[in-house]
Amino acid sequence: MTLTLYGIPNCTTVKRARAFLAEHTVAHVFHDLKKQGLSAALLQPWVEQLGWERLVNRQGTTWRQLDPARQAAVVDAPSAVEQLLATPSLMRRPVVVWPDGHVSVGFDALTWTETLKRSV
């Protein structure tokens, strides 16, 4: 299984993550959420592994620009999934599905280095 990185190409954190993977010559697939979208079938396992609270980026610009009624409606996994499917840029990025199948969100070079050591 290949590492798959999900994100938006102009996101600073995604850029740093992609640069890290290139620097460490890690083969990966990049899934552009803006162009390729997000499906419930893809999102549901992430919610199960990480919890919806970790996936919804409440600090981001997209969240702050969201209508207050839509913000208030995000109270549980089904409502979070609904909002993330409607507005994929609400998701904390990047989401990575590692070769062993586990899912992570966000980028931390030290953590990623350790994860790569374990997966080799």
PDB file of N, CA and C in Angstrom:
ATOM      1  N   MET A   1       0.847  -1.182   0.000  1.00  0.00           N
ATOM      2  CA  MET A   1       0.000   0.000   0.000  1.00  0.00           C
ATOM      3  C   MET A   1       0.894   1.247   0.000  1.00  0.00           C
ATOM      4  N   THR A   2       0.490   2.230  -0.761  1.00  0.00           N
ATOM      5  CA  THR A   2       1.239   3.476  -0.874  1.00  0.00           C
ATOM      6  C   THR A   2       0.696   4.516   0.093  1.00  0.00           C
ATOM      7  N   LEU A   3       1.556   5.379   0.575  1.00  0.00           N
ATOM      8  CA  LEU A   3       1.145   6.497   1.406  1.00  0.00           C
ATOM      9  C   LEU A   3       0.309   7.451   0.547  1.00  0.00           C
ATOM     10  N   THR A   4      -0.826   7.884   1.081  1.00  0.00           N
ATOM     11  CA  THR A   4      -1.665   8.857   0.385  1.00  0.00           C
ATOM     12  C   THR A   4      -1.830  10.079   1.264  1.00  0.00           C
ATOM     13  N   LEU A   5      -1.538  11.243   0.689  1.00  0.00           N
ATOM     14  CA  LEU A   5      -1.647  12.511   1.389  1.00  0.00           C
ATOM     15  C   LEU A   5      -2.834  13.270   0.799  1.00  0.00           C
ATOM     16  N   TYR A   6      -3.770  13.652   1.659  1.00  0.00           N
ATOM     17  CA  TYR A   6      -4.968  14.382   1.249  1.00  0.00           C
ATOM     18  C   TYR A   6      -4.840  15.819   1.711  1.00  0.00           C
ATOM     19  N   GLY A   7      -5.079  16.747   0.800  1.00  0.00           N
ATOM     20  CA  GLY A   7      -4.982  18.144   1.180  1.00  0.00           C
ATOM     21  C   GLY A   7      -5.307  19.077   0.036  1.00  0.00           C
ATOM     22  N   ILE A   8      -4.935  20.326   0.227  1.00  0.00           N
ATOM     23  CA  ILE A   8      -5.147  21.384  -0.750  1.00  0.00           C
ATOM     24  C   ILE A   8      -3.766  21.929  -1.096  1.00  0.00           C
ATOM     25  N   PRO A   9      -3.420  21.991  -2.390  1.00  0.00           N
ATOM     26  CA  PRO A   9      -2.047  22.325  -2.766  1.00  0.00           C
ATOM     27  C   PRO A   9      -1.533  23.671  -2.265  1.00  0.00           C
ATOM     28  N   ASN A  10      -2.395  24.662  -2.099  1.00  0.00           N
ATOM     29  CA  ASN A  10      -1.904  25.971  -1.662  1.00  0.00           C
ATOM     30  C   ASN A  10      -1.882  26.137  -0.143  1.00  0.00           C
ATOM     31  N   CYS A  11      -2.242  25.103   0.606  1.00  0.00           N
ATOM     32  CA  CYS A  11      -2.185  25.128   2.070  1.00  0.00           C
ATOM     33  C   CYS A  11      -0.719  25.044   2.502  1.00  0.00           C
ATOM     34  N   THR A  12      -0.293  25.949   3.351  1.00  0.00           N
ATOM     35  CA  THR A  12       1.097  26.006   3.804  1.00  0.00           C
ATOM     36  C   THR A  12       1.535  24.707   4.474  1.00  0.00           C
ATOM     37  N   THR A  13       0.686  24.147   5.310  1.00  0.00           N
ATOM     38  CA  THR A  13       1.043  22.907   6.011  1.00  0.00           C
ATOM     39  C   THR A  13       1.163  21.748   5.029  1.00  0.00           C
ATOM     40  N   VAL A  14       0.286  21.704   4.051  1.00  0.00           N
ATOM     41  CA  VAL A  14       0.360  20.658   3.024  1.00  0.00           C
ATOM     42  C   VAL A  14       1.642  20.824   2.211  1.00  0.00           C
ATOM     43  N   LYS A  15       2.005  22.049   1.894  1.00  0.00           N
ATOM     44  CA  LYS A  15       3.256  22.292   1.164  1.00  0.00           C
ATOM     45  C   LYS A  15       4.454  21.782   1.961  1.00  0.00           C
ATOM     46  N   ARG A  16       4.468  22.056   3.262  1.00  0.00           N
ATOM     47  CA  ARG A  16       5.569  21.581   4.113  1.00  0.00           C
ATOM     48  C   ARG A  16       5.596  20.051   4.156  1.00  0.00           C
ATOM     49  N   ALA A  17       4.424  19.438   4.250  1.00  0.00           N
ATOM     50  CA  ALA A  17       4.342  17.974   4.293  1.00  0.00           C
ATOM     51  C   ALA A  17       4.837  17.359   2.985  1.00  0.00           C
ATOM     52  N   ARG A  18       4.436  17.938   1.867  1.00  0.00           N
ATOM     53  CA  ARG A  18       4.874  17.418   0.567  1.00  0.00           C
ATOM     54  C   ARG A  18       6.379  17.596   0.388  1.00  0.00           C
ATOM     55  N   ALA A  19       6.911  18.720   0.844  1.00  0.00           N
ATOM     56  CA  ALA A  19       8.357  18.954   0.765  1.00  0.00           C
ATOM     57  C   ALA A  19       9.106  17.933   1.620  1.00  0.00           C
ATOM     58  N   PHE A  20       8.579  17.633   2.806  1.00  0.00           N
ATOM     59  CA  PHE A  20       9.177  16.636   3.692  1.00  0.00           C
ATOM     60  C   PHE A  20       9.224  15.275   2.992  1.00  0.00           C
ATOM     61  N   LEU A  21       8.111  14.876   2.377  1.00  0.00           N
ATOM     62  CA  LEU A  21       8.061  13.582   1.691  1.00  0.00           C
ATOM     63  C   LEU A  21       9.052  13.544   0.527  1.00  0.00           C
ATOM     64  N   ALA A  22       9.145  14.641  -0.221  1.00  0.00           N
ATOM     65  CA  ALA A  22      10.095  14.703  -1.336  1.00  0.00           C
ATOM     66  C   ALA A  22      11.535  14.634  -0.821  1.00  0.00           C
ATOM     67  N   GLU A  23      11.818  15.374   0.235  1.00  0.00           N
ATOM     68  CA  GLU A  23      13.163  15.401   0.821  1.00  0.00           C
ATOM     69  C   GLU A  23      13.586  14.019   1.315  1.00  0.00           C
ATOM     70  N   HIS A  24      12.625  13.258   1.827  1.00  0.00           N
ATOM     71  CA  HIS A  24      12.914  11.918   2.341  1.00  0.00           C
ATOM     72  C   HIS A  24      12.641  10.832   1.299  1.00  0.00           C
ATOM     73  N   THR A  25      12.449  11.237   0.057  1.00  0.00           N
ATOM     74  CA  THR A  25      12.172  10.343  -1.083  1.00  0.00           C
ATOM     75  C   THR A  25      11.131   9.273  -0.750  1.00  0.00           C
ATOM     76  N   VAL A  26      10.008   9.729  -0.221  1.00  0.00           N
ATOM     77  CA  VAL A  26       8.905   8.836   0.121  1.00  0.00           C
ATOM     78  C   VAL A  26       7.898   8.855  -1.023  1.00  0.00           C
ATOM     79  N   ALA A  27       7.710   7.696  -1.641  1.00  0.00           N
ATOM     80  CA  ALA A  27       6.710   7.591  -2.707  1.00  0.00           C
ATOM     81  C   ALA A  27       5.327   7.796  -2.100  1.00  0.00           C
ATOM     82  N   HIS A  28       4.541   8.623  -2.744  1.00  0.00           N
ATOM     83  CA  HIS A  28       3.203   8.891  -2.226  1.00  0.00           C
ATOM     84  C   HIS A  28       2.282   9.355  -3.348  1.00  0.00           C
ATOM     85  N   VAL A  29       1.011   9.316  -3.048  1.00  0.00           N
ATOM     86  CA  VAL A  29      -0.020   9.830  -3.941  1.00  0.00           C
ATOM     87  C   VAL A  29      -0.596  11.064  -3.267  1.00  0.00           C
ATOM     88  N   PHE A  30      -0.769  12.138  -4.036  1.00  0.00           N
ATOM     89  CA  PHE A  30      -1.394  13.343  -3.498  1.00  0.00           C
ATOM     90  C   PHE A  30      -2.823  13.420  -4.015  1.00  0.00           C
ATOM     91  N   HIS A  31      -3.761  13.533  -3.090  1.00  0.00           N
ATOM     92  CA  HIS A  31      -5.184  13.665  -3.424  1.00  0.00           C
ATOM     93  C   HIS A  31      -5.581  15.110  -3.153  1.00  0.00           C
ATOM     94  N   ASP A  32      -5.848  15.853  -4.222  1.00  0.00           N
ATOM     95  CA  ASP A  32      -6.234  17.261  -4.126  1.00  0.00           C
ATOM     96  C   ASP A  32      -7.720  17.336  -3.786  1.00  0.00           C
ATOM     97  N   LEU A  33      -8.016  17.746  -2.569  1.00  0.00           N
ATOM     98  CA  LEU A  33      -9.407  17.795  -2.116  1.00  0.00           C
ATOM     99  C   LEU A  33     -10.244  18.793  -2.906  1.00  0.00           C
ATOM    100  N   LYS A  34      -9.629  19.849  -3.415  1.00  0.00           N
ATOM    101  CA  LYS A  34     -10.370  20.843  -4.207  1.00  0.00           C
ATOM    102  C   LYS A  34     -10.787  20.254  -5.549  1.00  0.00           C
ATOM    103  N   LYS A  35      -9.870  19.530  -6.199  1.00  0.00           N
ATOM    104  CA  LYS A  35     -10.143  18.991  -7.534  1.00  0.00           C
ATOM    105  C   LYS A  35     -10.815  17.625  -7.492  1.00  0.00           C
ATOM    106  N   GLN A  36     -10.364  16.770  -6.583  1.00  0.00           N
ATOM    107  CA  GLN A  36     -10.848  15.394  -6.550  1.00  0.00           C
ATOM    108  C   GLN A  36     -11.963  15.177  -5.544  1.00  0.00           C
ATOM    109  N   GLY A  37     -12.164  16.139  -4.669  1.00  0.00           N
ATOM    110  CA  GLY A  37     -13.260  16.060  -3.715  1.00  0.00           C
ATOM    111  C   GLY A  37     -13.042  15.055  -2.600  1.00  0.00           C
ATOM    112  N   LEU A  38     -14.118  14.825  -1.891  1.00  0.00           N
ATOM    113  CA  LEU A  38     -14.119  13.978  -0.707  1.00  0.00           C
ATOM    114  C   LEU A  38     -15.425  13.202  -0.706  1.00  0.00           C
ATOM    115  N   SER A  39     -15.371  11.925  -0.412  1.00  0.00           N
ATOM    116  CA  SER A  39     -16.585  11.108  -0.369  1.00  0.00           C
ATOM    117  C   SER A  39     -16.833  10.627   1.056  1.00  0.00           C
ATOM    118  N   ALA A  40     -18.071  10.272   1.320  1.00  0.00           N
ATOM    119  CA  ALA A  40     -18.422   9.741   2.643  1.00  0.00           C
ATOM    120  C   ALA A  40     -17.657   8.445   2.908  1.00  0.00           C
ATOM    121  N   ALA A  41     -17.471   7.625   1.876  1.00  0.00           N
ATOM    122  CA  ALA A  41     -16.754   6.357   2.031  1.00  0.00           C
ATOM    123  C   ALA A  41     -15.298   6.591   2.435  1.00  0.00           C
ATOM    124  N   LEU A  42     -14.711   7.663   1.957  1.00  0.00           N
ATOM    125  CA  LEU A  42     -13.341   8.007   2.310  1.00  0.00           C
ATOM    126  C   LEU A  42     -13.274   8.629   3.698  1.00  0.00           C
ATOM    127  N   LEU A  43     -14.219   9.494   4.002  1.00  0.00           N
ATOM    128  CA  LEU A  43     -14.217  10.256   5.247  1.00  0.00           C
ATOM    129  C   LEU A  43     -14.575   9.421   6.479  1.00  0.00           C
ATOM    130  N   GLN A  44     -15.497   8.491   6.335  1.00  0.00           N
ATOM    131  CA  GLN A  44     -15.999   7.742   7.494  1.00  0.00           C
ATOM    132  C   GLN A  44     -14.909   6.994   8.272  1.00  0.00           C
ATOM    133  N   PRO A  45     -13.992   6.278   7.600  1.00  0.00           N
ATOM    134  CA  PRO A  45     -12.923   5.611   8.365  1.00  0.00           C
ATOM    135  C   PRO A  45     -12.018   6.593   9.108  1.00  0.00           C
ATOM    136  N   TRP A  46     -11.829   7.780   8.555  1.00  0.00           N
ATOM    137  CA  TRP A  46     -11.017   8.791   9.233  1.00  0.00           C
ATOM    138  C   TRP A  46     -11.705   9.238  10.508  1.00  0.00           C
ATOM    139  N   VAL A  47     -13.008   9.453  10.421  1.00  0.00           N
ATOM    140  CA  VAL A  47     -13.780   9.864  11.600  1.00  0.00           C
ATOM    141  C   VAL A  47     -13.705   8.774  12.664  1.00  0.00           C
ATOM    142  N   GLU A  48     -13.796   7.511  12.237  1.00  0.00           N
ATOM    143  CA  GLU A  48     -13.743   6.393  13.179  1.00  0.00           C
ATOM    144  C   GLU A  48     -12.369   6.294  13.846  1.00  0.00           C
ATOM    145  N   GLN A  49     -11.293   6.503  13.083  1.00  0.00           N
ATOM    146  CA  GLN A  49      -9.942   6.385  13.648  1.00  0.00           C
ATOM    147  C   GLN A  49      -9.524   7.600  14.463  1.00  0.00           C
ATOM    148  N   LEU A  50      -9.868   8.793  13.981  1.00  0.00           N
ATOM    149  CA  LEU A  50      -9.361  10.024  14.591  1.00  0.00           C
ATOM    150  C   LEU A  50     -10.375  10.759  15.452  1.00  0.00           C
ATOM    151  N   GLY A  51     -11.647  10.552  15.176  1.00  0.00           N
ATOM    152  CA  GLY A  51     -12.694  11.338  15.821  1.00  0.00           C
ATOM    153  C   GLY A  51     -12.977  12.587  15.001  1.00  0.00           C
ATOM    154  N   TRP A  52     -14.213  12.971  14.924  1.00  0.00           N
ATOM    155  CA  TRP A  52     -14.592  14.119  14.089  1.00  0.00           C
ATOM    156  C   TRP A  52     -13.987  15.426  14.592  1.00  0.00           C
ATOM    157  N   GLU A  53     -13.767  15.531  15.909  1.00  0.00           N
ATOM    158  CA  GLU A  53     -13.232  16.767  16.480  1.00  0.00           C
ATOM    159  C   GLU A  53     -11.836  17.086  15.954  1.00  0.00           C
ATOM    160  N   ARG A  54     -11.038  16.053  15.697  1.00  0.00           N
ATOM    161  CA  ARG A  54      -9.676  16.274  15.184  1.00  0.00           C
ATOM    162  C   ARG A  54      -9.681  16.654  13.712  1.00  0.00           C
ATOM    163  N   LEU A  55     -10.725  16.275  12.997  1.00  0.00           N
ATOM    164  CA  LEU A  55     -10.768  16.559  11.563  1.00  0.00           C
ATOM    165  C   LEU A  55     -11.301  17.948  11.239  1.00  0.00           C
ATOM    166  N   VAL A  56     -12.196  18.459  12.064  1.00  0.00           N
ATOM    167  CA  VAL A  56     -12.778  19.778  11.798  1.00  0.00           C
ATOM    168  C   VAL A  56     -11.805  20.849  12.293  1.00  0.00           C
ATOM    169  N   ASN A  57     -11.379  21.708  11.375  1.00  0.00           N
ATOM    170  CA  ASN A  57     -10.427  22.767  11.712  1.00  0.00           C
ATOM    171  C   ASN A  57     -11.188  24.024  12.127  1.00  0.00           C
ATOM    172  N   ARG A  58     -11.383  24.180  13.414  1.00  0.00           N
ATOM    173  CA  ARG A  58     -12.136  25.323  13.932  1.00  0.00           C
ATOM    174  C   ARG A  58     -11.286  26.593  14.029  1.00  0.00           C
ATOM    175  N   GLN A  59      -9.988  26.498  13.744  1.00  0.00           N
ATOM    176  CA  GLN A  59      -9.131  27.681  13.767  1.00  0.00           C
ATOM    177  C   GLN A  59      -8.926  28.281  12.378  1.00  0.00           C
ATOM    178  N   GLY A  60      -9.316  27.560  11.349  1.00  0.00           N
ATOM    179  CA  GLY A  60      -9.035  27.993   9.986  1.00  0.00           C
ATOM    180  C   GLY A  60      -9.943  29.102   9.476  1.00  0.00           C
ATOM    181  N   THR A  61      -9.500  29.714   8.398  1.00  0.00           N
ATOM    182  CA  THR A  61     -10.256  30.785   7.749  1.00  0.00           C
ATOM    183  C   THR A  61     -11.621  30.301   7.289  1.00  0.00           C
ATOM    184  N   THR A  62     -11.680  29.101   6.733  1.00  0.00           N
ATOM    185  CA  THR A  62     -12.955  28.578   6.229  1.00  0.00           C
ATOM    186  C   THR A  62     -13.975  28.487   7.351  1.00  0.00           C
ATOM    187  N   TRP A  63     -13.559  28.012   8.525  1.00  0.00           N
ATOM    188  CA  TRP A  63     -14.472  27.914   9.669  1.00  0.00           C
ATOM    189  C   TRP A  63     -14.947  29.300  10.098  1.00  0.00           C
ATOM    190  N   ARG A  64     -14.015  30.228  10.190  1.00  0.00           N
ATOM    191  CA  ARG A  64     -14.372  31.585  10.631  1.00  0.00           C
ATOM    192  C   ARG A  64     -15.323  32.274   9.655  1.00  0.00           C
ATOM    193  N   GLN A  65     -15.235  31.916   8.379  1.00  0.00           N
ATOM    194  CA  GLN A  65     -16.115  32.517   7.377  1.00  0.00           C
ATOM    195  C   GLN A  65     -17.443  31.781   7.251  1.00  0.00           C
ATOM    196  N   LEU A  66     -17.550  30.654   7.912  1.00  0.00           N
ATOM    197  CA  LEU A  66     -18.769  29.853   7.851  1.00  0.00           C
ATOM    198  C   LEU A  66     -19.893  30.544   8.615  1.00  0.00           C
ATOM    199  N   ASP A  67     -21.078  30.444   8.087  1.00  0.00           N
ATOM    200  CA  ASP A  67     -22.261  31.004   8.741  1.00  0.00           C
ATOM    201  C   ASP A  67     -22.352  30.455  10.170  1.00  0.00           C
ATOM    202  N   PRO A  68     -22.633  31.311  11.160  1.00  0.00           N
ATOM    203  CA  PRO A  68     -22.713  30.852  12.554  1.00  0.00           C
ATOM    204  C   PRO A  68     -23.702  29.703  12.764  1.00  0.00           C
ATOM    205  N   ALA A  69     -24.772  29.674  12.005  1.00  0.00           N
ATOM    206  CA  ALA A  69     -25.741  28.578  12.130  1.00  0.00           C
ATOM    207  C   ALA A  69     -25.115  27.256  11.690  1.00  0.00           C
ATOM    208  N   ARG A  70     -24.305  27.290  10.636  1.00  0.00           N
ATOM    209  CA  ARG A  70     -23.621  26.070  10.182  1.00  0.00           C
ATOM    210  C   ARG A  70     -22.552  25.653  11.189  1.00  0.00           C
ATOM    211  N   GLN A  71     -21.878  26.628  11.795  1.00  0.00           N
ATOM    212  CA  GLN A  71     -20.896  26.303  12.834  1.00  0.00           C
ATOM    213  C   GLN A  71     -21.588  25.615  14.010  1.00  0.00           C
ATOM    214  N   ALA A  72     -22.692  26.181  14.445  1.00  0.00           N
ATOM    215  CA  ALA A  72     -23.423  25.644  15.599  1.00  0.00           C
ATOM    216  C   ALA A  72     -23.997  24.263  15.319  1.00  0.00           C
ATOM    217  N   ALA A  73     -24.204  23.945  14.037  1.00  0.00           N
ATOM    218  CA  ALA A  73     -24.792  22.656  13.670  1.00  0.00           C
ATOM    219  C   ALA A  73     -23.794  21.503  13.772  1.00  0.00           C
ATOM    220  N   VAL A  74     -22.505  21.802  13.880  1.00  0.00           N
ATOM    221  CA  VAL A  74     -21.481  20.752  13.968  1.00  0.00           C
ATOM    222  C   VAL A  74     -21.348  20.338  15.430  1.00  0.00           C
ATOM    223  N   VAL A  75     -22.085  19.284  15.792  1.00  0.00           N
ATOM    224  CA  VAL A  75     -22.145  18.862  17.194  1.00  0.00           C
ATOM    225  C   VAL A  75     -21.792  17.389  17.410  1.00  0.00           C
ATOM    226  N   ASP A  76     -21.718  16.616  16.321  1.00  0.00           N
ATOM    227  CA  ASP A  76     -21.431  15.191  16.439  1.00  0.00           C
ATOM    228  C   ASP A  76     -20.861  14.695  15.115  1.00  0.00           C
ATOM    229  N   ALA A  77     -20.526  13.412  15.061  1.00  0.00           N
ATOM    230  CA  ALA A  77     -19.898  12.858  13.862  1.00  0.00           C
ATOM    231  C   ALA A  77     -20.758  13.028  12.607  1.00  0.00           C
ATOM    232  N   PRO A  78     -22.061  12.678  12.638  1.00  0.00           N
ATOM    233  CA  PRO A  78     -22.855  12.846  11.410  1.00  0.00           C
ATOM    234  C   PRO A  78     -22.913  14.296  10.916  1.00  0.00           C
ATOM    235  N   SER A  79     -23.062  15.248  11.833  1.00  0.00           N
ATOM    236  CA  SER A  79     -23.129  16.653  11.408  1.00  0.00           C
ATOM    237  C   SER A  79     -21.767  17.143  10.913  1.00  0.00           C
ATOM    238  N   ALA A  80     -20.691  16.659  11.515  1.00  0.00           N
ATOM    239  CA  ALA A  80     -19.350  17.030  11.057  1.00  0.00           C
ATOM    240  C   ALA A  80     -19.091  16.469   9.664  1.00  0.00           C
ATOM    241  N   VAL A  81     -19.458  15.210   9.451  1.00  0.00           N
ATOM    242  CA  VAL A  81     -19.283  14.592   8.134  1.00  0.00           C
ATOM    243  C   VAL A  81     -20.066  15.375   7.086  1.00  0.00           C
ATOM    244  N   GLU A  82     -21.282  15.747   7.410  1.00  0.00           N
ATOM    245  CA  GLU A  82     -22.115  16.518   6.477  1.00  0.00           C
ATOM    246  C   GLU A  82     -21.426  17.829   6.085  1.00  0.00           C
ATOM    247  N   GLN A  83     -20.895  18.554   7.065  1.00  0.00           N
ATOM    248  CA  GLN A  83     -20.225  19.830   6.780  1.00  0.00           C
ATOM    249  C   GLN A  83     -18.909  19.625   6.024  1.00  0.00           C
ATOM    250  N   LEU A  84     -18.154  18.586   6.376  1.00  0.00           N
ATOM    251  CA  LEU A  84     -16.890  18.319   5.690  1.00  0.00           C
ATOM    252  C   LEU A  84     -17.115  17.911   4.238  1.00  0.00           C
ATOM    253  N   LEU A  85     -18.180  17.160   3.984  1.00  0.00           N
ATOM    254  CA  LEU A  85     -18.493  16.784   2.607  1.00  0.00           C
ATOM    255  C   LEU A  85     -18.936  18.001   1.801  1.00  0.00           C
ATOM    256  N   ALA A  86     -19.684  18.892   2.433  1.00  0.00           N
ATOM    257  CA  ALA A  86     -20.154  20.104   1.753  1.00  0.00           C
ATOM    258  C   ALA A  86     -19.016  21.102   1.534  1.00  0.00           C
ATOM    259  N   THR A  87     -18.076  21.150   2.486  1.00  0.00           N
ATOM    260  CA  THR A  87     -16.974  22.121   2.442  1.00  0.00           C
ATOM    261  C   THR A  87     -15.682  21.423   2.873  1.00  0.00           C
ATOM    262  N   PRO A  88     -15.025  20.690   1.946  1.00  0.00           N
ATOM    263  CA  PRO A  88     -13.821  19.939   2.315  1.00  0.00           C
ATOM    264  C   PRO A  88     -12.696  20.792   2.900  1.00  0.00           C
ATOM    265  N   SER A  89     -12.668  22.077   2.586  1.00  0.00           N
ATOM    266  CA  SER A  89     -11.600  22.929   3.129  1.00  0.00           C
ATOM    267  C   SER A  89     -11.767  23.200   4.621  1.00  0.00           C
ATOM    268  N   LEU A  90     -12.862  22.718   5.223  1.00  0.00           N
ATOM    269  CA  LEU A  90     -13.039  22.797   6.683  1.00  0.00           C
ATOM    270  C   LEU A  90     -12.151  21.794   7.420  1.00  0.00           C
ATOM    271  N   MET A  91     -11.618  20.840   6.665  1.00  0.00           N
ATOM    272  CA  MET A  91     -10.850  19.771   7.289  1.00  0.00           C
ATOM    273  C   MET A  91      -9.441  20.227   7.644  1.00  0.00           C
ATOM    274  N   ARG A  92      -8.977  19.804   8.811  1.00  0.00           N
ATOM    275  CA  ARG A  92      -7.580  20.025   9.208  1.00  0.00           C
ATOM    276  C   ARG A  92      -6.723  19.215   8.231  1.00  0.00           C
ATOM    277  N   ARG A  93      -5.596  19.800   7.825  1.00  0.00           N
ATOM    278  CA  ARG A  93      -4.791  19.172   6.789  1.00  0.00           C
ATOM    279  C   ARG A  93      -3.315  19.135   7.206  1.00  0.00           C
ATOM    280  N   PRO A  94      -2.598  18.227   6.554  1.00  0.00           N
ATOM    281  CA  PRO A  94      -3.039  17.170   5.661  1.00  0.00           C
ATOM    282  C   PRO A  94      -3.547  15.956   6.439  1.00  0.00           C
ATOM    283  N   VAL A  95      -4.346  15.169   5.765  1.00  0.00           N
ATOM    284  CA  VAL A  95      -4.715  13.857   6.280  1.00  0.00           C
ATOM    285  C   VAL A  95      -3.845  12.867   5.521  1.00  0.00           C
ATOM    286  N   VAL A  96      -3.235  11.945   6.242  1.00  0.00           N
ATOM    287  CA  VAL A  96      -2.364  10.951   5.615  1.00  0.00           C
ATOM    288  C   VAL A  96      -2.866   9.561   5.962  1.00  0.00           C
ATOM    289  N   VAL A  97      -3.004   8.739   4.925  1.00  0.00           N
ATOM    290  CA  VAL A  97      -3.252   7.317   5.130  1.00  0.00           C
ATOM    291  C   VAL A  97      -1.908   6.643   4.870  1.00  0.00           C
ATOM    292  N   TRP A  98      -1.322   6.120   5.943  1.00  0.00           N
ATOM    293  CA  TRP A  98       0.005   5.521   5.900  1.00  0.00           C
ATOM    294  C   TRP A  98      -0.078   4.120   5.301  1.00  0.00           C
ATOM    295  N   PRO A  99       1.049   3.589   4.811  1.00  0.00           N
ATOM    296  CA  PRO A  99       1.035   2.265   4.196  1.00  0.00           C
ATOM    297  C   PRO A  99       0.454   1.158   5.082  1.00  0.00           C
ATOM    298  N   ASP A 100       0.587   1.289   6.398  1.00  0.00           N
ATOM    299  CA  ASP A 100       0.029   0.263   7.289  1.00  0.00           C
ATOM    300  C   ASP A 100      -1.467   0.456   7.536  1.00  0.00           C
ATOM    301  N   GLY A 101      -2.056   1.509   6.936  1.00  0.00           N
ATOM    302  CA  GLY A 101      -3.498   1.730   7.055  1.00  0.00           C
ATOM    303  C   GLY A 101      -3.910   2.729   8.118  1.00  0.00           C
ATOM    304  N   HIS A 102      -2.997   3.108   9.010  1.00  0.00           N
ATOM    305  CA  HIS A 102      -3.406   4.074  10.035  1.00  0.00           C
ATOM    306  C   HIS A 102      -3.483   5.476   9.421  1.00  0.00           C
ATOM    307  N   VAL A 103      -4.286   6.301  10.034  1.00  0.00           N
ATOM    308  CA  VAL A 103      -4.565   7.641   9.521  1.00  0.00           C
ATOM    309  C   VAL A 103      -4.051   8.671  10.520  1.00  0.00           C
ATOM    310  N   SER A 104      -3.445   9.733   9.994  1.00  0.00           N
ATOM    311  CA  SER A 104      -3.023  10.845  10.850  1.00  0.00           C
ATOM    312  C   SER A 104      -3.489  12.147  10.225  1.00  0.00           C
ATOM    313  N   VAL A 105      -3.534  13.177  11.046  1.00  0.00           N
ATOM    314  CA  VAL A 105      -3.919  14.502  10.558  1.00  0.00           C
ATOM    315  C   VAL A 105      -2.908  15.517  11.077  1.00  0.00           C
ATOM    316  N   GLY A 106      -2.566  16.478  10.217  1.00  0.00           N
ATOM    317  CA  GLY A 106      -1.584  17.486  10.574  1.00  0.00           C
ATOM    318  C   GLY A 106      -0.185  17.042  10.185  1.00  0.00           C
ATOM    319  N   PHE A 107       0.759  17.964  10.313  1.00  0.00           N
ATOM    320  CA  PHE A 107       2.145  17.662   9.962  1.00  0.00           C
ATOM    321  C   PHE A 107       3.069  18.026  11.110  1.00  0.00           C
ATOM    322  N   ASP A 108       3.884  17.059  11.502  1.00  0.00           N
ATOM    323  CA  ASP A 108       4.942  17.269  12.483  1.00  0.00           C
ATOM    324  C   ASP A 108       6.135  16.441  12.004  1.00  0.00           C
ATOM    325  N   ALA A 109       7.211  17.108  11.627  1.00  0.00           N
ATOM    326  CA  ALA A 109       8.362  16.429  11.033  1.00  0.00           C
ATOM    327  C   ALA A 109       8.914  15.315  11.920  1.00  0.00           C
ATOM    328  N   LEU A 110       9.022  15.552  13.212  1.00  0.00           N
ATOM    329  CA  LEU A 110       9.562  14.542  14.123  1.00  0.00           C
ATOM    330  C   LEU A 110       8.671  13.301  14.162  1.00  0.00           C
ATOM    331  N   THR A 111       7.378  13.514  14.296  1.00  0.00           N
ATOM    332  CA  THR A 111       6.431  12.394  14.325  1.00  0.00           C
ATOM    333  C   THR A 111       6.470  11.625  13.010  1.00  0.00           C
ATOM    334  N   TRP A 112       6.501  12.345  11.907  1.00  0.00           N
ATOM    335  CA  TRP A 112       6.535  11.689  10.604  1.00  0.00           C
ATOM    336  C   TRP A 112       7.829  10.894  10.422  1.00  0.00           C
ATOM    337  N   THR A 113       8.941  11.428  10.880  1.00  0.00           N
ATOM    338  CA  THR A 113      10.211  10.708  10.780  1.00  0.00           C
ATOM    339  C   THR A 113      10.129   9.392  11.543  1.00  0.00           C
ATOM    340  N   GLU A 114       9.586   9.437  12.754  1.00  0.00           N
ATOM    341  CA  GLU A 114       9.430   8.219  13.559  1.00  0.00           C
ATOM    342  C   GLU A 114       8.473   7.236  12.886  1.00  0.00           C
ATOM    343  N   THR A 115       7.386   7.734  12.336  1.00  0.00           N
ATOM    344  CA  THR A 115       6.415   6.871  11.661  1.00  0.00           C
ATOM    345  C   THR A 115       7.052   6.203  10.451  1.00  0.00           C
ATOM    346  N   LEU A 116       7.830   6.949   9.691  1.00  0.00           N
ATOM    347  CA  LEU A 116       8.501   6.372   8.523  1.00  0.00           C
ATOM    348  C   LEU A 116       9.511   5.310   8.932  1.00  0.00           C
ATOM    349  N   LYS A 117      10.226   5.520  10.029  1.00  0.00           N
ATOM    350  CA  LYS A 117      11.183   4.520  10.514  1.00  0.00           C
ATOM    351  C   LYS A 117      10.472   3.212  10.851  1.00  0.00           C
ATOM    352  N   ARG A 118       9.305   3.318  11.468  1.00  0.00           N
ATOM    353  CA  ARG A 118       8.547   2.117  11.851  1.00  0.00           C
ATOM    354  C   ARG A 118       7.965   1.397  10.638  1.00  0.00           C
ATOM    355  N   SER A 119       7.652   2.142   9.577  1.00  0.00           N
ATOM    356  CA  SER A 119       6.977   1.524   8.437  1.00  0.00           C
ATOM    357  C   SER A 119       7.944   0.939   7.418  1.00  0.00           C
ATOM    358  N   VAL A 120       9.252   1.108   7.637  1.00  0.00           N
ATOM    359  CA  VAL A 120      10.235   0.563   6.687  1.00  0.00           C
ATOM    360  C   VAL A 120      10.646  -0.822   7.110  1.00  0.00           C
TER     361      VAL A 120
END
